[in-house]
Amino acid sequence: MAGSKPRPNKLHPPVDAERDHVLGEPGAEMTLVEYGSYACGYCHAAHEIVAQLRDRFGSRMQYVFRHLPITGRDQAMPAAELAEYASGSGGSFWQAHDALMRRGPEFGPGDLDLIAAELGVPRREEWDPAAARAAAVRVRDDARSGLRSGAAVTPTFSIKGRRYEGAWDESSLAEVMLGSLGHRLHMASVNFVRWAPSTGLLLLFMTVLAVI
């Protein structure tokens, strides 16, 4: 639509190892951030792809998961809150994350209580009120950061601090994470289109020189 404001593409806030759920070695050269939902079938497919990327890159890669519970699914928010409650009560966020990814994206009556029992977490009705509020706040904060980062669907990935808009199969994500020649030339052509013709020509020329 003419005059419409473009969606943000910068990750906001940046990854914070003290706050974010980070899987991987500190200082890894590649960081992949996902805004996802446990009630999203596409996120469950992406979960397998992320595992393949982690196997492929090992200590060179960090993976960060932030919550963006999808609308229209009654269990999307409770599932995210369960992961956060498990993490805040002394358990492992990633253990809860994997359990929810294995069992979803459709959660029937009692499914979340069964997963909670596997994690050593009480039923939701028995949660500590303060810890339950903290879990809900964390999920809402993640979702708001997703909106500020331009995440309109799940999964949405961010690579090198920028929202990624391409295909999210293993090869495509790996190519961008590695900063391949093909991807850099593609970005140079995008910049060329966005700039005025004379400035864009100079920018493209300088970008190609930098790549070479």
N, C-alpha and C. Protein backbone atom coordinates (compact mmCIF):
# COMPACT_ATOMS: atom_id res chain seq x y z
N MET A 1 0.85 -1.19 0.00
CA MET A 1 0.00 0.00 0.00
C MET A 1 0.88 1.24 0.00
N ALA A 2 0.56 2.20 -0.87
CA ALA A 2 1.35 3.41 -0.99
C ALA A 2 1.33 4.17 0.33
N GLY A 3 2.50 4.62 0.75
CA GLY A 3 2.59 5.40 1.98
C GLY A 3 2.59 4.59 3.25
N SER A 4 2.46 3.26 3.16
CA SER A 4 2.44 2.44 4.36
C SER A 4 3.85 2.36 4.94
N LYS A 5 3.92 2.28 6.25
CA LYS A 5 5.21 2.25 6.94
C LYS A 5 5.83 0.86 6.82
N PRO A 6 7.09 0.77 6.38
CA PRO A 6 7.71 -0.55 6.24
C PRO A 6 7.88 -1.22 7.59
N ARG A 7 7.82 -2.55 7.59
CA ARG A 7 8.03 -3.29 8.83
C ARG A 7 9.48 -3.17 9.29
N PRO A 8 9.68 -3.07 10.60
CA PRO A 8 11.06 -3.03 11.10
C PRO A 8 11.80 -4.31 10.71
N ASN A 9 13.09 -4.21 10.53
CA ASN A 9 13.87 -5.42 10.24
C ASN A 9 15.07 -5.59 11.15
N LYS A 10 15.24 -4.69 12.11
CA LYS A 10 16.35 -4.78 13.05
C LYS A 10 15.89 -5.44 14.34
N LEU A 11 16.66 -6.41 14.81
CA LEU A 11 16.32 -7.13 16.04
C LEU A 11 16.32 -6.17 17.22
N HIS A 12 15.18 -6.12 17.93
CA HIS A 12 15.05 -5.18 19.04
C HIS A 12 14.30 -5.84 20.20
N PRO A 13 14.97 -6.02 21.34
CA PRO A 13 16.35 -5.64 21.62
C PRO A 13 17.34 -6.66 21.08
N PRO A 14 18.63 -6.30 21.02
CA PRO A 14 19.64 -7.27 20.60
C PRO A 14 19.71 -8.43 21.57
N VAL A 15 20.38 -9.49 21.15
CA VAL A 15 20.54 -10.66 22.01
C VAL A 15 21.30 -10.28 23.27
N ASP A 16 20.76 -10.72 24.40
CA ASP A 16 21.36 -10.47 25.71
C ASP A 16 21.52 -11.82 26.41
N ALA A 17 22.75 -12.26 26.56
CA ALA A 17 23.00 -13.58 27.15
C ALA A 17 22.50 -13.68 28.58
N GLU A 18 22.37 -12.54 29.27
CA GLU A 18 21.88 -12.55 30.64
C GLU A 18 20.36 -12.71 30.70
N ARG A 19 19.69 -12.38 29.62
CA ARG A 19 18.23 -12.40 29.62
C ARG A 19 17.66 -13.46 28.68
N ASP A 20 18.25 -13.61 27.51
CA ASP A 20 17.71 -14.51 26.50
C ASP A 20 18.00 -15.97 26.82
N HIS A 21 17.22 -16.85 26.21
CA HIS A 21 17.51 -18.28 26.24
C HIS A 21 18.45 -18.56 25.07
N VAL A 22 19.71 -18.82 25.40
CA VAL A 22 20.75 -18.99 24.39
C VAL A 22 21.30 -20.40 24.46
N LEU A 23 21.34 -21.06 23.32
CA LEU A 23 21.87 -22.42 23.22
C LEU A 23 23.12 -22.35 22.35
N GLY A 24 24.26 -22.62 22.96
CA GLY A 24 25.51 -22.55 22.21
C GLY A 24 26.59 -21.87 23.00
N GLU A 25 27.77 -21.81 22.39
CA GLU A 25 28.94 -21.27 23.07
C GLU A 25 28.92 -19.74 23.08
N PRO A 26 29.32 -19.12 24.18
CA PRO A 26 29.45 -17.65 24.20
C PRO A 26 30.46 -17.20 23.15
N GLY A 27 30.14 -16.12 22.46
CA GLY A 27 31.05 -15.59 21.45
C GLY A 27 31.04 -16.35 20.14
N ALA A 28 30.04 -17.20 19.92
CA ALA A 28 29.96 -17.92 18.65
C ALA A 28 29.87 -16.93 17.50
N GLU A 29 30.44 -17.31 16.36
CA GLU A 29 30.51 -16.38 15.22
C GLU A 29 29.15 -16.19 14.54
N MET A 30 28.22 -17.12 14.70
CA MET A 30 26.91 -17.03 14.06
C MET A 30 25.82 -17.11 15.13
N THR A 31 24.83 -16.23 15.05
CA THR A 31 23.70 -16.25 15.97
C THR A 31 22.40 -16.26 15.18
N LEU A 32 21.58 -17.26 15.44
CA LEU A 32 20.27 -17.39 14.81
C LEU A 32 19.20 -17.18 15.88
N VAL A 33 18.36 -16.18 15.69
CA VAL A 33 17.27 -15.89 16.62
C VAL A 33 15.95 -16.28 15.97
N GLU A 34 15.11 -16.99 16.71
CA GLU A 34 13.79 -17.38 16.20
C GLU A 34 12.70 -16.83 17.11
N TYR A 35 11.72 -16.19 16.50
CA TYR A 35 10.46 -15.89 17.18
C TYR A 35 9.50 -17.01 16.78
N GLY A 36 9.05 -17.78 17.77
CA GLY A 36 8.24 -18.94 17.45
C GLY A 36 7.16 -19.21 18.47
N SER A 37 6.32 -20.18 18.13
CA SER A 37 5.20 -20.58 18.98
C SER A 37 5.12 -22.10 19.03
N TYR A 38 4.85 -22.62 20.21
CA TYR A 38 4.73 -24.08 20.36
C TYR A 38 3.46 -24.62 19.71
N ALA A 39 2.52 -23.75 19.40
CA ALA A 39 1.27 -24.18 18.77
C ALA A 39 1.29 -23.96 17.25
N CYS A 40 2.47 -23.71 16.69
CA CYS A 40 2.63 -23.45 15.25
C CYS A 40 3.30 -24.65 14.59
N GLY A 41 2.62 -25.25 13.64
CA GLY A 41 3.18 -26.40 12.95
C GLY A 41 4.47 -26.08 12.21
N TYR A 42 4.56 -24.89 11.63
CA TYR A 42 5.77 -24.50 10.92
C TYR A 42 6.96 -24.40 11.88
N CYS A 43 6.70 -23.97 13.12
CA CYS A 43 7.78 -23.88 14.10
C CYS A 43 8.30 -25.26 14.47
N HIS A 44 7.41 -26.24 14.47
CA HIS A 44 7.85 -27.60 14.77
C HIS A 44 8.73 -28.14 13.65
N ALA A 45 8.41 -27.78 12.41
CA ALA A 45 9.27 -28.16 11.29
C ALA A 45 10.61 -27.43 11.39
N ALA A 46 10.56 -26.15 11.75
CA ALA A 46 11.79 -25.37 11.89
C ALA A 46 12.66 -25.90 13.01
N HIS A 47 12.05 -26.48 14.05
CA HIS A 47 12.80 -27.04 15.17
C HIS A 47 13.77 -28.10 14.68
N GLU A 48 13.34 -28.93 13.74
CA GLU A 48 14.21 -29.96 13.18
C GLU A 48 15.32 -29.34 12.35
N ILE A 49 15.01 -28.28 11.63
CA ILE A 49 16.02 -27.62 10.80
C ILE A 49 17.08 -26.96 11.67
N VAL A 50 16.64 -26.33 12.76
CA VAL A 50 17.60 -25.72 13.69
C VAL A 50 18.53 -26.79 14.26
N ALA A 51 17.99 -27.95 14.57
CA ALA A 51 18.82 -29.04 15.10
C ALA A 51 19.86 -29.46 14.06
N GLN A 52 19.47 -29.49 12.79
CA GLN A 52 20.41 -29.83 11.73
C GLN A 52 21.51 -28.78 11.60
N LEU A 53 21.12 -27.51 11.73
CA LEU A 53 22.11 -26.43 11.65
C LEU A 53 23.08 -26.50 12.82
N ARG A 54 22.58 -26.80 14.01
CA ARG A 54 23.45 -26.90 15.18
C ARG A 54 24.42 -28.07 15.04
N ASP A 55 23.93 -29.18 14.47
CA ASP A 55 24.83 -30.30 14.20
C ASP A 55 25.90 -29.92 13.17
N ARG A 56 25.49 -29.13 12.21
CA ARG A 56 26.38 -28.74 11.12
C ARG A 56 27.47 -27.77 11.58
N PHE A 57 27.08 -26.76 12.38
CA PHE A 57 28.01 -25.70 12.74
C PHE A 57 28.65 -25.87 14.11
N GLY A 58 28.04 -26.68 14.97
CA GLY A 58 28.62 -26.93 16.28
C GLY A 58 28.84 -25.67 17.08
N SER A 59 30.06 -25.50 17.61
CA SER A 59 30.35 -24.38 18.49
C SER A 59 30.41 -23.04 17.75
N ARG A 60 30.33 -23.06 16.44
CA ARG A 60 30.35 -21.80 15.68
C ARG A 60 29.00 -21.08 15.73
N MET A 61 27.96 -21.75 16.25
CA MET A 61 26.60 -21.22 16.16
C MET A 61 25.94 -21.10 17.54
N GLN A 62 25.23 -19.99 17.73
CA GLN A 62 24.33 -19.80 18.87
C GLN A 62 22.90 -19.77 18.35
N TYR A 63 21.99 -20.33 19.14
CA TYR A 63 20.57 -20.30 18.79
C TYR A 63 19.80 -19.66 19.95
N VAL A 64 18.92 -18.73 19.60
CA VAL A 64 18.11 -18.02 20.60
C VAL A 64 16.65 -18.19 20.24
N PHE A 65 15.84 -18.58 21.23
CA PHE A 65 14.40 -18.71 21.00
C PHE A 65 13.67 -17.65 21.81
N ARG A 66 12.79 -16.90 21.12
CA ARG A 66 11.91 -15.94 21.78
C ARG A 66 10.46 -16.28 21.44
N HIS A 67 9.58 -16.06 22.39
CA HIS A 67 8.19 -16.44 22.25
C HIS A 67 7.39 -15.44 21.39
N LEU A 68 6.59 -15.99 20.50
CA LEU A 68 5.60 -15.20 19.77
C LEU A 68 4.36 -16.09 19.60
N PRO A 69 3.60 -16.30 20.69
CA PRO A 69 2.46 -17.22 20.64
C PRO A 69 1.46 -16.80 19.56
N ILE A 70 1.10 -17.74 18.69
CA ILE A 70 0.20 -17.40 17.59
C ILE A 70 -1.22 -17.24 18.11
N THR A 71 -1.96 -16.37 17.45
CA THR A 71 -3.36 -16.16 17.81
C THR A 71 -4.22 -17.27 17.24
N GLY A 72 -5.37 -17.47 17.84
CA GLY A 72 -6.29 -18.49 17.34
C GLY A 72 -6.06 -19.87 17.90
N ARG A 73 -5.04 -20.04 18.73
CA ARG A 73 -4.77 -21.33 19.37
C ARG A 73 -4.82 -21.14 20.88
N ASP A 74 -5.77 -21.79 21.52
CA ASP A 74 -5.99 -21.57 22.94
C ASP A 74 -4.77 -21.94 23.79
N GLN A 75 -3.98 -22.91 23.32
CA GLN A 75 -2.87 -23.41 24.14
C GLN A 75 -1.53 -22.75 23.81
N ALA A 76 -1.52 -21.80 22.87
CA ALA A 76 -0.25 -21.17 22.49
C ALA A 76 0.38 -20.43 23.65
N MET A 77 -0.39 -19.58 24.30
CA MET A 77 0.14 -18.81 25.43
C MET A 77 0.44 -19.71 26.63
N PRO A 78 -0.47 -20.61 27.06
CA PRO A 78 -0.14 -21.49 28.19
C PRO A 78 1.09 -22.34 27.95
N ALA A 79 1.30 -22.80 26.72
CA ALA A 79 2.49 -23.61 26.43
C ALA A 79 3.76 -22.79 26.62
N ALA A 80 3.75 -21.54 26.12
CA ALA A 80 4.92 -20.67 26.29
C ALA A 80 5.16 -20.38 27.77
N GLU A 81 4.08 -20.14 28.51
CA GLU A 81 4.22 -19.85 29.93
C GLU A 81 4.75 -21.07 30.69
N LEU A 82 4.37 -22.27 30.26
CA LEU A 82 4.89 -23.48 30.89
C LEU A 82 6.41 -23.56 30.73
N ALA A 83 6.90 -23.26 29.53
CA ALA A 83 8.35 -23.29 29.30
C ALA A 83 9.06 -22.30 30.21
N GLU A 84 8.48 -21.11 30.37
CA GLU A 84 9.09 -20.10 31.22
C GLU A 84 8.98 -20.45 32.70
N TYR A 85 7.85 -21.02 33.09
CA TYR A 85 7.68 -21.41 34.49
C TYR A 85 8.69 -22.51 34.84
N ALA A 86 8.85 -23.47 33.93
CA ALA A 86 9.82 -24.55 34.17
C ALA A 86 11.22 -23.98 34.32
N SER A 87 11.54 -22.99 33.48
CA SER A 87 12.86 -22.37 33.55
C SER A 87 13.04 -21.59 34.86
N GLY A 88 12.03 -20.83 35.24
CA GLY A 88 12.13 -20.00 36.43
C GLY A 88 12.09 -20.76 37.73
N SER A 89 11.57 -21.98 37.70
CA SER A 89 11.47 -22.76 38.93
C SER A 89 12.66 -23.69 39.14
N GLY A 90 13.72 -23.40 38.42
CA GLY A 90 14.94 -24.18 38.61
C GLY A 90 15.14 -25.28 37.60
N GLY A 91 14.21 -25.43 36.66
CA GLY A 91 14.36 -26.45 35.63
C GLY A 91 15.12 -25.92 34.43
N SER A 92 15.10 -26.68 33.38
CA SER A 92 15.80 -26.32 32.16
C SER A 92 14.81 -25.81 31.12
N PHE A 93 15.01 -24.58 30.66
CA PHE A 93 14.15 -24.08 29.59
C PHE A 93 14.24 -24.97 28.37
N TRP A 94 15.43 -25.40 28.01
CA TRP A 94 15.59 -26.16 26.77
C TRP A 94 14.98 -27.55 26.88
N GLN A 95 14.97 -28.12 28.06
CA GLN A 95 14.28 -29.40 28.25
C GLN A 95 12.77 -29.22 28.02
N ALA A 96 12.22 -28.13 28.57
CA ALA A 96 10.80 -27.83 28.36
C ALA A 96 10.53 -27.51 26.89
N HIS A 97 11.41 -26.75 26.28
CA HIS A 97 11.28 -26.39 24.87
C HIS A 97 11.20 -27.64 23.99
N ASP A 98 12.13 -28.56 24.20
CA ASP A 98 12.14 -29.79 23.40
C ASP A 98 10.90 -30.64 23.65
N ALA A 99 10.46 -30.72 24.91
CA ALA A 99 9.26 -31.50 25.22
C ALA A 99 8.04 -30.93 24.54
N LEU A 100 7.90 -29.61 24.54
CA LEU A 100 6.74 -28.98 23.89
C LEU A 100 6.82 -29.12 22.38
N MET A 101 8.00 -29.06 21.81
CA MET A 101 8.15 -29.24 20.37
C MET A 101 7.87 -30.69 19.96
N ARG A 102 8.19 -31.63 20.82
CA ARG A 102 7.90 -33.04 20.51
C ARG A 102 6.41 -33.32 20.53
N ARG A 103 5.68 -32.69 21.44
CA ARG A 103 4.28 -33.04 21.66
C ARG A 103 3.30 -32.21 20.84
N GLY A 104 3.67 -31.01 20.44
CA GLY A 104 2.75 -30.14 19.70
C GLY A 104 2.70 -30.48 18.22
N PRO A 105 2.11 -29.60 17.43
CA PRO A 105 1.58 -28.29 17.80
C PRO A 105 0.16 -28.31 18.35
N GLU A 106 -0.52 -29.45 18.26
CA GLU A 106 -1.88 -29.56 18.81
C GLU A 106 -1.79 -30.11 20.22
N PHE A 107 -2.30 -29.35 21.18
CA PHE A 107 -2.30 -29.79 22.57
C PHE A 107 -3.74 -30.00 23.01
N GLY A 108 -4.06 -31.25 23.35
CA GLY A 108 -5.41 -31.55 23.81
C GLY A 108 -5.56 -31.29 25.30
N PRO A 109 -6.77 -31.50 25.83
CA PRO A 109 -7.01 -31.31 27.27
C PRO A 109 -6.06 -32.19 28.10
N GLY A 110 -5.37 -31.58 29.01
CA GLY A 110 -4.48 -32.33 29.89
C GLY A 110 -3.08 -32.55 29.35
N ASP A 111 -2.83 -32.23 28.06
CA ASP A 111 -1.50 -32.48 27.49
C ASP A 111 -0.42 -31.65 28.18
N LEU A 112 -0.72 -30.40 28.45
CA LEU A 112 0.29 -29.56 29.09
C LEU A 112 0.58 -30.01 30.51
N ASP A 113 -0.45 -30.53 31.20
CA ASP A 113 -0.22 -31.06 32.56
C ASP A 113 0.69 -32.29 32.50
N LEU A 114 0.51 -33.11 31.47
CA LEU A 114 1.36 -34.29 31.32
C LEU A 114 2.81 -33.89 31.05
N ILE A 115 2.99 -32.88 30.20
CA ILE A 115 4.35 -32.39 29.93
C ILE A 115 4.95 -31.79 31.19
N ALA A 116 4.15 -31.04 31.94
CA ALA A 116 4.63 -30.46 33.20
C ALA A 116 5.10 -31.55 34.15
N ALA A 117 4.33 -32.63 34.23
CA ALA A 117 4.72 -33.73 35.12
C ALA A 117 6.06 -34.34 34.69
N GLU A 118 6.26 -34.47 33.38
CA GLU A 118 7.53 -34.99 32.87
C GLU A 118 8.70 -34.09 33.29
N LEU A 119 8.42 -32.79 33.38
CA LEU A 119 9.46 -31.81 33.71
C LEU A 119 9.61 -31.59 35.21
N GLY A 120 8.77 -32.25 35.99
CA GLY A 120 8.81 -32.04 37.43
C GLY A 120 8.18 -30.74 37.86
N VAL A 121 7.25 -30.24 37.03
CA VAL A 121 6.56 -28.98 37.31
C VAL A 121 5.13 -29.31 37.74
N PRO A 122 4.58 -28.62 38.75
CA PRO A 122 3.20 -28.90 39.18
C PRO A 122 2.18 -28.50 38.12
N ARG A 123 0.96 -28.97 38.29
CA ARG A 123 -0.13 -28.55 37.42
C ARG A 123 -0.30 -27.04 37.51
N ARG A 124 -0.83 -26.46 36.45
CA ARG A 124 -0.95 -25.00 36.39
C ARG A 124 -1.72 -24.44 37.59
N GLU A 125 -2.74 -25.15 38.02
CA GLU A 125 -3.54 -24.69 39.16
C GLU A 125 -2.73 -24.60 40.45
N GLU A 126 -1.58 -25.28 40.47
CA GLU A 126 -0.76 -25.31 41.68
C GLU A 126 0.49 -24.44 41.56
N TRP A 127 0.58 -23.66 40.50
CA TRP A 127 1.77 -22.83 40.31
C TRP A 127 1.86 -21.75 41.38
N ASP A 128 3.09 -21.41 41.74
CA ASP A 128 3.32 -20.28 42.63
C ASP A 128 2.87 -19.00 41.92
N PRO A 129 2.01 -18.19 42.54
CA PRO A 129 1.46 -17.01 41.85
C PRO A 129 2.52 -16.04 41.33
N ALA A 130 3.53 -15.78 42.13
CA ALA A 130 4.57 -14.84 41.70
C ALA A 130 5.35 -15.38 40.51
N ALA A 131 5.69 -16.66 40.55
CA ALA A 131 6.42 -17.27 39.45
C ALA A 131 5.56 -17.35 38.19
N ALA A 132 4.26 -17.59 38.38
CA ALA A 132 3.35 -17.64 37.23
C ALA A 132 3.26 -16.27 36.56
N ARG A 133 3.19 -15.21 37.37
CA ARG A 133 3.14 -13.85 36.80
C ARG A 133 4.44 -13.54 36.06
N ALA A 134 5.56 -13.93 36.62
CA ALA A 134 6.85 -13.68 35.97
C ALA A 134 6.94 -14.40 34.63
N ALA A 135 6.42 -15.62 34.57
CA ALA A 135 6.43 -16.37 33.32
C ALA A 135 5.57 -15.68 32.27
N ALA A 136 4.38 -15.21 32.67
CA ALA A 136 3.48 -14.54 31.73
C ALA A 136 4.09 -13.24 31.23
N VAL A 137 4.74 -12.50 32.13
CA VAL A 137 5.38 -11.24 31.73
C VAL A 137 6.50 -11.51 30.74
N ARG A 138 7.27 -12.54 30.97
CA ARG A 138 8.38 -12.87 30.06
C ARG A 138 7.85 -13.18 28.67
N VAL A 139 6.79 -13.95 28.58
CA VAL A 139 6.23 -14.30 27.27
C VAL A 139 5.72 -13.05 26.57
N ARG A 140 5.01 -12.19 27.30
CA ARG A 140 4.49 -10.95 26.69
C ARG A 140 5.63 -10.03 26.24
N ASP A 141 6.71 -9.97 27.04
CA ASP A 141 7.85 -9.13 26.66
C ASP A 141 8.49 -9.65 25.37
N ASP A 142 8.62 -10.96 25.25
CA ASP A 142 9.15 -11.54 24.01
C ASP A 142 8.27 -11.19 22.82
N ALA A 143 6.96 -11.34 23.00
CA ALA A 143 6.02 -11.07 21.91
C ALA A 143 6.10 -9.61 21.47
N ARG A 144 6.22 -8.71 22.43
CA ARG A 144 6.32 -7.28 22.09
C ARG A 144 7.62 -6.99 21.37
N SER A 145 8.69 -7.66 21.78
CA SER A 145 9.96 -7.45 21.08
C SER A 145 9.87 -8.00 19.65
N GLY A 146 9.08 -9.06 19.47
CA GLY A 146 8.88 -9.59 18.13
C GLY A 146 8.21 -8.57 17.23
N LEU A 147 7.20 -7.89 17.74
CA LEU A 147 6.52 -6.87 16.96
C LEU A 147 7.47 -5.72 16.64
N ARG A 148 8.30 -5.33 17.61
CA ARG A 148 9.26 -4.26 17.37
C ARG A 148 10.32 -4.67 16.36
N SER A 149 10.53 -5.97 16.22
CA SER A 149 11.54 -6.49 15.30
C SER A 149 10.94 -6.85 13.94
N GLY A 150 9.64 -6.61 13.76
CA GLY A 150 9.01 -6.87 12.47
C GLY A 150 8.53 -8.29 12.28
N ALA A 151 8.44 -9.07 13.36
CA ALA A 151 7.98 -10.46 13.25
C ALA A 151 6.45 -10.48 13.17
N ALA A 152 5.93 -10.81 11.99
CA ALA A 152 4.49 -10.83 11.78
C ALA A 152 3.94 -12.25 11.69
N VAL A 153 4.81 -13.24 11.49
CA VAL A 153 4.40 -14.63 11.38
C VAL A 153 5.40 -15.47 12.17
N THR A 154 5.02 -16.73 12.39
CA THR A 154 5.95 -17.66 13.02
C THR A 154 6.22 -18.82 12.06
N PRO A 155 7.46 -19.29 12.00
CA PRO A 155 8.62 -18.69 12.67
C PRO A 155 9.14 -17.47 11.91
N THR A 156 9.72 -16.53 12.63
CA THR A 156 10.48 -15.43 12.04
C THR A 156 11.90 -15.52 12.57
N PHE A 157 12.86 -15.51 11.66
CA PHE A 157 14.26 -15.62 12.04
C PHE A 157 14.97 -14.28 11.90
N SER A 158 15.97 -14.10 12.74
CA SER A 158 16.86 -12.95 12.65
C SER A 158 18.29 -13.47 12.59
N ILE A 159 19.03 -12.96 11.62
CA ILE A 159 20.42 -13.37 11.43
C ILE A 159 21.28 -12.11 11.39
N LYS A 160 22.33 -12.11 12.19
CA LYS A 160 23.20 -10.93 12.28
C LYS A 160 22.41 -9.68 12.64
N GLY A 161 21.40 -9.84 13.49
CA GLY A 161 20.64 -8.70 13.98
C GLY A 161 19.61 -8.16 13.02
N ARG A 162 19.36 -8.86 11.90
CA ARG A 162 18.39 -8.39 10.92
C ARG A 162 17.37 -9.48 10.63
N ARG A 163 16.10 -9.05 10.44
CA ARG A 163 15.05 -10.01 10.13
C ARG A 163 15.32 -10.66 8.78
N TYR A 164 15.21 -11.98 8.75
CA TYR A 164 15.47 -12.76 7.53
C TYR A 164 14.14 -13.05 6.85
N GLU A 165 14.07 -12.83 5.53
CA GLU A 165 12.81 -12.96 4.81
C GLU A 165 12.81 -14.09 3.78
N GLY A 166 13.89 -14.85 3.69
CA GLY A 166 13.96 -15.89 2.67
C GLY A 166 13.42 -17.23 3.15
N ALA A 167 13.68 -18.25 2.34
CA ALA A 167 13.28 -19.61 2.69
C ALA A 167 14.06 -20.05 3.92
N TRP A 168 13.43 -20.89 4.75
CA TRP A 168 14.13 -21.30 5.98
C TRP A 168 14.43 -22.80 5.99
N ASP A 169 14.75 -23.35 4.82
CA ASP A 169 15.34 -24.69 4.78
C ASP A 169 16.80 -24.60 5.23
N GLU A 170 17.39 -25.73 5.52
CA GLU A 170 18.75 -25.73 6.08
C GLU A 170 19.75 -25.04 5.16
N SER A 171 19.70 -25.32 3.87
CA SER A 171 20.68 -24.75 2.94
C SER A 171 20.56 -23.23 2.86
N SER A 172 19.32 -22.73 2.78
CA SER A 172 19.12 -21.29 2.66
C SER A 172 19.59 -20.56 3.91
N LEU A 173 19.22 -21.07 5.09
CA LEU A 173 19.64 -20.43 6.32
C LEU A 173 21.15 -20.49 6.49
N ALA A 174 21.74 -21.63 6.16
CA ALA A 174 23.19 -21.77 6.30
C ALA A 174 23.91 -20.80 5.39
N GLU A 175 23.40 -20.62 4.18
CA GLU A 175 24.05 -19.71 3.23
C GLU A 175 24.10 -18.29 3.78
N VAL A 176 22.98 -17.84 4.35
CA VAL A 176 22.94 -16.48 4.89
C VAL A 176 23.80 -16.38 6.14
N MET A 177 23.75 -17.37 6.99
CA MET A 177 24.55 -17.33 8.21
C MET A 177 26.04 -17.29 7.91
N LEU A 178 26.44 -17.97 6.85
CA LEU A 178 27.84 -17.97 6.47
C LEU A 178 28.23 -16.70 5.72
N GLY A 179 27.23 -15.93 5.25
CA GLY A 179 27.53 -14.73 4.49
C GLY A 179 28.15 -15.04 3.16
N SER A 180 27.52 -15.95 2.40
CA SER A 180 28.09 -16.41 1.14
C SER A 180 28.18 -15.29 0.12
N LEU A 181 28.99 -15.49 -0.91
CA LEU A 181 29.15 -14.52 -1.99
C LEU A 181 27.82 -14.26 -2.67
N GLY A 182 27.03 -15.32 -2.91
CA GLY A 182 25.74 -15.14 -3.57
C GLY A 182 24.82 -14.26 -2.77
N HIS A 183 24.79 -14.44 -1.46
CA HIS A 183 23.91 -13.62 -0.64
C HIS A 183 24.39 -12.18 -0.60
N ARG A 184 25.69 -11.95 -0.53
CA ARG A 184 26.20 -10.59 -0.49
C ARG A 184 25.91 -9.85 -1.78
N LEU A 185 26.01 -10.55 -2.92
CA LEU A 185 25.68 -9.91 -4.19
C LEU A 185 24.19 -9.61 -4.27
N HIS A 186 23.37 -10.51 -3.71
CA HIS A 186 21.92 -10.25 -3.69
C HIS A 186 21.62 -9.00 -2.88
N MET A 187 22.24 -8.86 -1.72
CA MET A 187 22.01 -7.68 -0.90
C MET A 187 22.51 -6.41 -1.59
N ALA A 188 23.59 -6.54 -2.34
CA ALA A 188 24.09 -5.39 -3.08
C ALA A 188 23.08 -4.94 -4.12
N SER A 189 22.44 -5.92 -4.78
CA SER A 189 21.44 -5.56 -5.80
C SER A 189 20.21 -4.93 -5.17
N VAL A 190 19.83 -5.40 -3.97
CA VAL A 190 18.70 -4.79 -3.26
C VAL A 190 19.01 -3.35 -2.90
N ASN A 191 20.21 -3.11 -2.41
CA ASN A 191 20.61 -1.74 -2.08
C ASN A 191 20.61 -0.85 -3.32
N PHE A 192 21.02 -1.41 -4.44
CA PHE A 192 21.05 -0.64 -5.68
C PHE A 192 19.65 -0.16 -6.06
N VAL A 193 18.66 -1.04 -5.93
CA VAL A 193 17.29 -0.67 -6.28
C VAL A 193 16.76 0.40 -5.35
N ARG A 194 17.12 0.33 -4.08
CA ARG A 194 16.57 1.25 -3.09
C ARG A 194 17.15 2.65 -3.20
N TRP A 195 18.38 2.77 -3.67
CA TRP A 195 19.03 4.08 -3.73
C TRP A 195 18.70 4.77 -5.05
N ALA A 196 18.92 6.09 -5.08
CA ALA A 196 18.78 6.83 -6.33
C ALA A 196 19.76 6.28 -7.34
N PRO A 197 19.45 6.36 -8.66
CA PRO A 197 20.27 5.71 -9.68
C PRO A 197 21.76 6.02 -9.58
N SER A 198 22.15 7.31 -9.49
CA SER A 198 23.57 7.63 -9.48
C SER A 198 24.24 7.14 -8.20
N THR A 199 23.58 7.38 -7.06
CA THR A 199 24.14 6.92 -5.79
C THR A 199 24.15 5.40 -5.72
N GLY A 200 23.08 4.78 -6.23
CA GLY A 200 23.00 3.32 -6.22
C GLY A 200 24.07 2.69 -7.05
N LEU A 201 24.40 3.28 -8.20
CA LEU A 201 25.45 2.74 -9.05
C LEU A 201 26.79 2.77 -8.34
N LEU A 202 27.07 3.88 -7.66
CA LEU A 202 28.31 3.98 -6.91
C LEU A 202 28.34 2.98 -5.77
N LEU A 203 27.19 2.84 -5.08
CA LEU A 203 27.10 1.90 -3.97
C LEU A 203 27.33 0.47 -4.44
N LEU A 204 26.70 0.10 -5.57
CA LEU A 204 26.87 -1.24 -6.10
C LEU A 204 28.32 -1.49 -6.47
N PHE A 205 28.94 -0.50 -7.14
CA PHE A 205 30.33 -0.63 -7.54
C PHE A 205 31.24 -0.86 -6.34
N MET A 206 31.03 -0.04 -5.28
CA MET A 206 31.86 -0.17 -4.09
C MET A 206 31.59 -1.47 -3.36
N THR A 207 30.32 -1.92 -3.36
CA THR A 207 29.99 -3.19 -2.69
C THR A 207 30.64 -4.36 -3.38
N VAL A 208 30.59 -4.38 -4.72
CA VAL A 208 31.22 -5.47 -5.47
C VAL A 208 32.70 -5.48 -5.23
N LEU A 209 33.33 -4.29 -5.19
CA LEU A 209 34.76 -4.21 -4.89
C LEU A 209 35.05 -4.79 -3.50
N ALA A 210 34.20 -4.46 -2.52
CA ALA A 210 34.40 -4.97 -1.17
C ALA A 210 34.28 -6.48 -1.12
N VAL A 211 33.31 -7.02 -1.85
CA VAL A 211 33.10 -8.47 -1.88
C VAL A 211 34.31 -9.17 -2.49
N ILE A 212 34.79 -8.58 -3.62
CA ILE A 212 35.95 -9.19 -4.29
C ILE A 212 37.18 -9.15 -3.39
